[in-house]
Protein backbone atom coordinates (compact mmCIF):
# COMPACT_ATOMS: atom_id res chain seq x y z
CA MET A 1 93.52 20.65 10.87
CA PRO A 2 97.02 21.31 12.35
CA ARG A 3 98.29 24.86 12.18
CA VAL A 4 101.55 25.56 10.33
CA ALA A 5 104.07 27.57 12.27
CA PRO A 6 104.58 31.05 10.75
CA TRP A 7 108.33 30.53 10.49
CA LEU A 8 107.79 27.39 8.43
CA MET A 9 105.51 29.28 6.06
CA PHE A 10 108.12 32.05 5.75
CA ALA A 11 110.89 29.52 5.10
CA ALA A 12 108.84 27.78 2.43
CA ALA A 13 108.07 31.09 0.74
CA SER A 14 111.73 32.08 0.84
CA MET A 15 112.81 28.78 -0.68
CA ALA A 16 110.22 29.13 -3.44
CA SER A 17 111.37 32.68 -4.14
CA SER A 18 115.00 31.54 -4.23
CA ALA A 19 114.19 28.69 -6.58
CA GLN A 20 112.36 31.10 -8.88
CA ALA A 21 115.31 33.50 -8.88
CA ASP A 22 117.74 30.63 -9.57
CA ALA A 23 115.63 29.65 -12.60
CA GLU A 24 116.18 33.05 -14.22
CA VAL A 25 119.27 34.13 -16.14
CA ARG A 26 119.49 37.92 -16.46
CA VAL A 27 121.54 38.84 -19.52
CA TYR A 28 122.71 42.37 -20.37
CA ALA A 29 123.53 42.25 -24.08
CA ALA A 30 124.54 44.47 -26.99
CA GLY A 31 121.58 45.65 -29.04
CA SER A 32 123.08 44.18 -32.22
CA LEU A 33 122.58 40.73 -30.67
CA ARG A 34 118.85 41.12 -30.07
CA ALA A 35 117.52 38.83 -32.82
CA ALA A 36 120.26 36.20 -32.58
CA LEU A 37 120.35 35.95 -28.78
CA THR A 38 116.56 35.81 -28.57
CA GLU A 39 116.71 32.70 -30.74
CA VAL A 40 119.63 31.32 -28.72
CA ALA A 41 117.66 31.85 -25.50
CA GLN A 42 114.65 29.98 -26.87
CA ALA A 43 116.86 26.99 -27.69
CA PHE A 44 118.61 27.22 -24.31
CA GLU A 45 115.30 27.26 -22.44
CA LEU A 46 114.20 24.11 -24.26
CA ASN A 47 117.49 22.49 -23.30
CA GLU A 48 117.34 23.68 -19.67
CA ALA A 49 113.83 22.92 -18.46
CA GLY A 50 112.50 25.51 -16.03
CA VAL A 51 115.16 28.14 -16.75
CA ARG A 52 114.11 31.48 -18.24
CA VAL A 53 116.42 34.01 -19.91
CA VAL A 54 115.58 37.69 -19.34
CA PHE A 55 117.34 40.24 -21.55
CA THR A 56 118.25 43.88 -21.23
CA PHE A 57 119.54 45.11 -24.60
CA GLY A 58 121.39 48.35 -25.22
CA ALA A 59 124.67 50.02 -26.11
CA SER A 60 127.44 47.95 -24.52
CA GLY A 61 129.24 50.93 -23.01
CA LEU A 62 126.08 52.17 -21.31
CA LEU A 63 125.30 48.66 -20.04
CA LYS A 64 128.86 48.41 -18.68
CA ASP A 65 128.38 51.64 -16.75
CA ARG A 66 125.09 50.38 -15.29
CA LEU A 67 126.72 47.14 -14.14
CA ALA A 68 129.67 49.02 -12.67
CA ALA A 69 127.16 51.17 -10.75
CA GLY A 70 125.67 48.07 -9.14
CA GLU A 71 122.79 46.93 -11.35
CA ARG A 72 122.15 43.21 -11.05
CA ALA A 73 122.68 40.79 -13.90
CA ASP A 74 124.11 37.32 -14.39
CA VAL A 75 125.77 37.60 -17.81
CA PHE A 76 127.21 40.49 -19.83
CA ALA A 77 127.45 39.95 -23.61
CA SER A 78 129.24 42.94 -25.10
CA ALA A 79 129.93 44.02 -28.69
CA ASN A 80 133.60 44.34 -27.77
CA MET A 81 136.07 42.72 -25.41
CA VAL A 82 137.09 45.96 -23.68
CA HIS A 83 133.93 46.61 -21.66
CA PRO A 84 133.63 43.17 -20.00
CA GLN A 85 137.40 43.15 -19.45
CA SER A 86 137.16 46.49 -17.66
CA LEU A 87 134.55 45.00 -15.33
CA ALA A 88 136.76 41.95 -14.78
CA SER A 89 139.67 44.24 -13.89
CA ALA A 90 137.41 45.93 -11.35
CA GLY A 91 136.62 42.65 -9.63
CA MET A 92 133.84 41.17 -11.73
CA PRO A 93 134.20 37.44 -12.34
CA GLY A 94 135.99 36.23 -15.42
CA PRO A 95 137.25 35.07 -17.73
CA VAL A 96 136.00 37.13 -20.63
CA GLU A 97 135.53 34.88 -23.65
CA ARG A 98 135.16 35.91 -27.27
CA PHE A 99 132.02 34.24 -28.58
CA THR A 100 131.41 35.79 -32.01
CA ARG A 101 132.60 38.45 -34.46
CA ASN A 102 131.05 41.08 -36.70
CA ALA A 103 132.28 43.44 -39.42
CA MET A 104 131.35 46.93 -40.54
CA CYS A 105 129.17 47.75 -43.54
CA ALA A 106 127.70 50.92 -45.00
CA LEU A 107 123.91 51.15 -44.99
CA VAL A 108 123.16 53.41 -47.95
CA ALA A 109 120.11 55.43 -48.97
CA PRO A 110 118.57 54.51 -52.34
CA THR A 111 119.41 57.96 -53.74
CA MET A 112 123.15 57.44 -53.16
CA ASP A 113 125.40 55.92 -55.84
CA VAL A 114 127.93 54.07 -53.67
CA THR A 115 130.08 51.01 -54.31
CA PRO A 116 132.93 49.56 -52.23
CA ASP A 117 135.37 51.30 -54.58
CA THR A 118 133.72 54.72 -54.21
CA LEU A 119 132.73 54.47 -50.54
CA VAL A 120 135.64 56.51 -49.17
CA ASP A 121 135.09 59.32 -51.69
CA ARG A 122 131.38 59.42 -50.83
CA LEU A 123 132.12 59.53 -47.10
CA LEU A 124 134.56 62.41 -47.57
CA ASP A 125 132.16 64.36 -49.80
CA PRO A 126 131.02 67.36 -47.70
CA ALA A 127 127.47 66.90 -49.01
CA THR A 128 127.18 63.33 -47.69
CA LYS A 129 125.49 62.94 -44.30
CA VAL A 130 127.43 60.21 -42.49
CA GLY A 131 125.69 58.49 -39.59
CA THR A 132 127.36 56.49 -36.83
CA SER A 133 126.63 55.31 -33.35
CA THR A 134 128.19 57.11 -30.37
CA PRO A 135 131.85 56.28 -29.60
CA LYS A 136 132.68 55.19 -26.03
CA ALA A 137 129.02 54.57 -25.26
CA ASP A 138 128.52 52.08 -28.09
CA PRO A 139 131.29 49.94 -29.63
CA SER A 140 129.69 50.38 -33.07
CA GLY A 141 130.73 54.03 -32.84
CA ASP A 142 134.23 53.04 -31.74
CA TYR A 143 134.56 50.69 -34.70
CA ALA A 144 133.34 53.41 -37.09
CA TRP A 145 136.07 55.71 -35.74
CA MET A 146 138.60 52.91 -36.35
CA VAL A 147 137.41 52.76 -39.98
CA PHE A 148 138.00 56.52 -40.22
CA GLU A 149 141.52 56.06 -38.84
CA ARG A 150 142.27 53.35 -41.38
CA ILE A 151 141.06 55.57 -44.22
CA GLU A 152 143.69 58.10 -43.17
CA GLN A 153 146.32 55.36 -42.89
CA GLN A 154 145.57 54.44 -46.49
CA GLY A 155 146.88 57.81 -47.61
CA ARG A 156 143.86 60.11 -47.23
CA ARG A 157 145.53 62.80 -45.16
CA GLY A 158 143.19 64.58 -42.75
CA ALA A 159 140.42 62.01 -43.31
CA PHE A 160 140.07 61.04 -39.65
CA LYS A 161 139.46 64.60 -38.46
CA GLN A 162 137.16 65.38 -41.37
CA LEU A 163 135.04 62.26 -40.83
CA SER A 164 134.97 62.31 -37.03
CA ASP A 165 134.00 66.01 -37.12
CA LYS A 166 131.18 65.52 -39.61
CA ALA A 167 129.84 62.17 -38.37
CA LEU A 168 126.31 62.39 -36.99
CA GLN A 169 126.24 60.32 -33.80
CA LEU A 170 122.61 59.30 -34.11
CA THR A 171 122.36 56.21 -31.90
CA GLY A 172 123.83 54.52 -28.85
CA GLY A 173 124.49 57.59 -26.70
CA PRO A 174 123.11 58.39 -23.26
CA ASN A 175 120.84 61.06 -24.77
CA SER A 176 119.94 59.26 -28.00
CA PRO A 177 116.20 58.79 -28.53
CA PRO A 178 115.02 55.24 -27.86
CA PRO A 179 114.76 52.99 -30.92
CA PRO A 180 111.26 52.76 -32.40
CA ALA A 181 109.38 49.82 -30.92
CA GLY A 182 109.61 46.78 -33.15
CA ARG A 183 111.58 48.65 -35.81
CA ASN A 184 115.22 48.76 -36.86
CA VAL A 185 116.61 52.14 -35.85
CA TYR A 186 119.20 52.22 -38.68
CA ALA A 187 116.57 51.54 -41.33
CA GLU A 188 114.41 54.31 -39.91
CA LEU A 189 117.22 56.87 -39.75
CA VAL A 190 118.42 56.29 -43.31
CA ALA A 191 114.89 56.00 -44.74
CA GLN A 192 113.98 59.29 -43.07
CA GLY A 193 117.02 61.02 -44.58
CA ARG A 194 118.78 61.59 -41.26
CA ALA A 195 121.86 59.95 -42.81
CA ASP A 196 122.84 59.18 -46.41
CA VAL A 197 125.38 56.55 -45.35
CA PHE A 198 125.36 54.88 -41.94
CA ILE A 199 128.48 52.99 -40.84
CA THR A 200 127.24 50.10 -38.73
CA TYR A 201 127.56 46.36 -38.23
CA CYS A 202 126.88 44.22 -41.28
CA THR A 203 124.29 42.30 -39.25
CA ASN A 204 122.46 45.58 -38.52
CA ALA A 205 122.53 46.47 -42.21
CA THR A 206 121.04 43.08 -43.10
CA VAL A 207 118.15 43.53 -40.65
CA ALA A 208 117.61 47.10 -41.88
CA ARG A 209 117.36 45.96 -45.50
CA ALA A 210 114.81 43.31 -44.54
CA GLU A 211 112.58 46.13 -43.26
CA GLN A 212 113.45 48.68 -45.96
CA PRO A 213 114.38 46.78 -49.16
CA SER A 214 115.15 50.01 -51.01
CA LEU A 215 118.20 50.53 -48.79
CA ARG A 216 121.51 48.96 -49.78
CA ALA A 217 124.30 47.37 -47.77
CA VAL A 218 127.73 48.16 -49.16
CA ALA A 219 130.78 46.25 -47.98
CA VAL A 220 133.50 48.28 -46.32
CA PRO A 221 136.73 47.32 -48.14
CA ALA A 222 138.96 44.92 -46.24
CA ALA A 223 141.85 47.39 -46.12
CA ILE A 224 139.84 49.76 -43.91
CA ASN A 225 137.43 47.35 -42.19
CA VAL A 226 137.76 46.11 -38.62
CA SER A 227 136.87 42.91 -36.79
CA ALA A 228 134.29 43.55 -34.10
CA ASP A 229 135.02 40.96 -31.40
CA TYR A 230 132.16 40.20 -28.98
CA GLY A 231 132.97 39.17 -25.40
CA VAL A 232 130.89 37.45 -22.73
CA ALA A 233 131.46 37.02 -19.00
CA PRO A 234 129.54 36.31 -15.82
CA VAL A 235 128.72 39.25 -13.56
CA ARG A 236 129.46 39.47 -9.83
CA GLY A 237 126.76 37.64 -7.89
CA ALA A 238 125.66 35.64 -10.92
CA GLY A 239 123.14 32.88 -10.35
CA PRO A 240 123.92 29.18 -10.80
CA HIS A 241 122.71 29.05 -14.39
CA ALA A 242 124.88 31.90 -15.70
CA GLN A 243 127.85 29.72 -16.65
CA ARG A 244 125.53 27.16 -18.21
CA PHE A 245 124.15 29.89 -20.48
CA ILE A 246 127.67 31.03 -21.38
CA ASP A 247 128.72 27.46 -22.13
CA TYR A 248 125.65 27.04 -24.33
CA LEU A 249 126.45 30.30 -26.12
CA LEU A 250 129.92 28.97 -26.93
CA GLY A 251 128.56 25.59 -28.04
CA PRO A 252 127.67 24.39 -31.55
CA SER A 253 123.90 25.00 -31.41
CA ALA A 254 124.18 28.66 -30.41
CA GLN A 255 127.13 29.23 -32.74
CA ALA A 256 125.07 27.93 -35.65
CA ILE A 257 122.33 30.45 -34.81
CA LEU A 258 124.86 33.29 -34.67
CA VAL A 259 126.37 32.34 -38.04
CA ARG A 260 122.90 32.06 -39.56
CA SER A 261 122.22 35.59 -38.26
CA GLY A 262 125.26 36.94 -40.10
CA PHE A 263 127.90 36.80 -37.36
CA ALA A 264 131.28 35.12 -37.81
CA PRO A 265 132.70 32.31 -35.65
CA PRO A 266 134.95 33.45 -32.82
């Protein structure tokens, strides 16, 4: 039996390794996208035979910092436009495209009597424990702070300072405890009494209520609500399937999944 030259064996192994790497799309994505993007990835993998999507979920600001520090990924799907745009400004590939939107809701403990009309008064009540994510590290926290600003703009003088001072930044920060495995962190925090009212994405509130039906999701009035725009972009050194995943995410099949999960069209 003829012997195979060692360099040929090495070349074949390298080509196989390269092919395997090319068949993997590494996506860093906002934690609020976990359920929806997992379903999108399953549909994408059926459409793109042999391609596997591997996710790293977390707070978008923390993921942005990891990518800026040199961690390898192919696609960054952020809960805002600012973080991927900052990477693009620093030399990451673009463009950054808005692919979906979210809004803010109040996840409310069953002991709290809160309606959209009384939400602001309840938030400003010194006895109410208000939970948020961590601003700058997690866009959900940034959007909550924007809600606080709009409350003040609606004539509640001093509201922004009062709310930003009292807000319990319970998730999304560099030192926040990891979410419980297989559980919704917002449902757990409110059910445990860590917060009476948690200002978070409406999609998060929907998932939380599915786990803890006694909790309630209260709409944040339009006058003080914000549009959470989600942006996606390829990352420097992205593999050949990165843009195909982004194109699929922007296409009708993935958009239908996002809408079904409670997100709004871009």
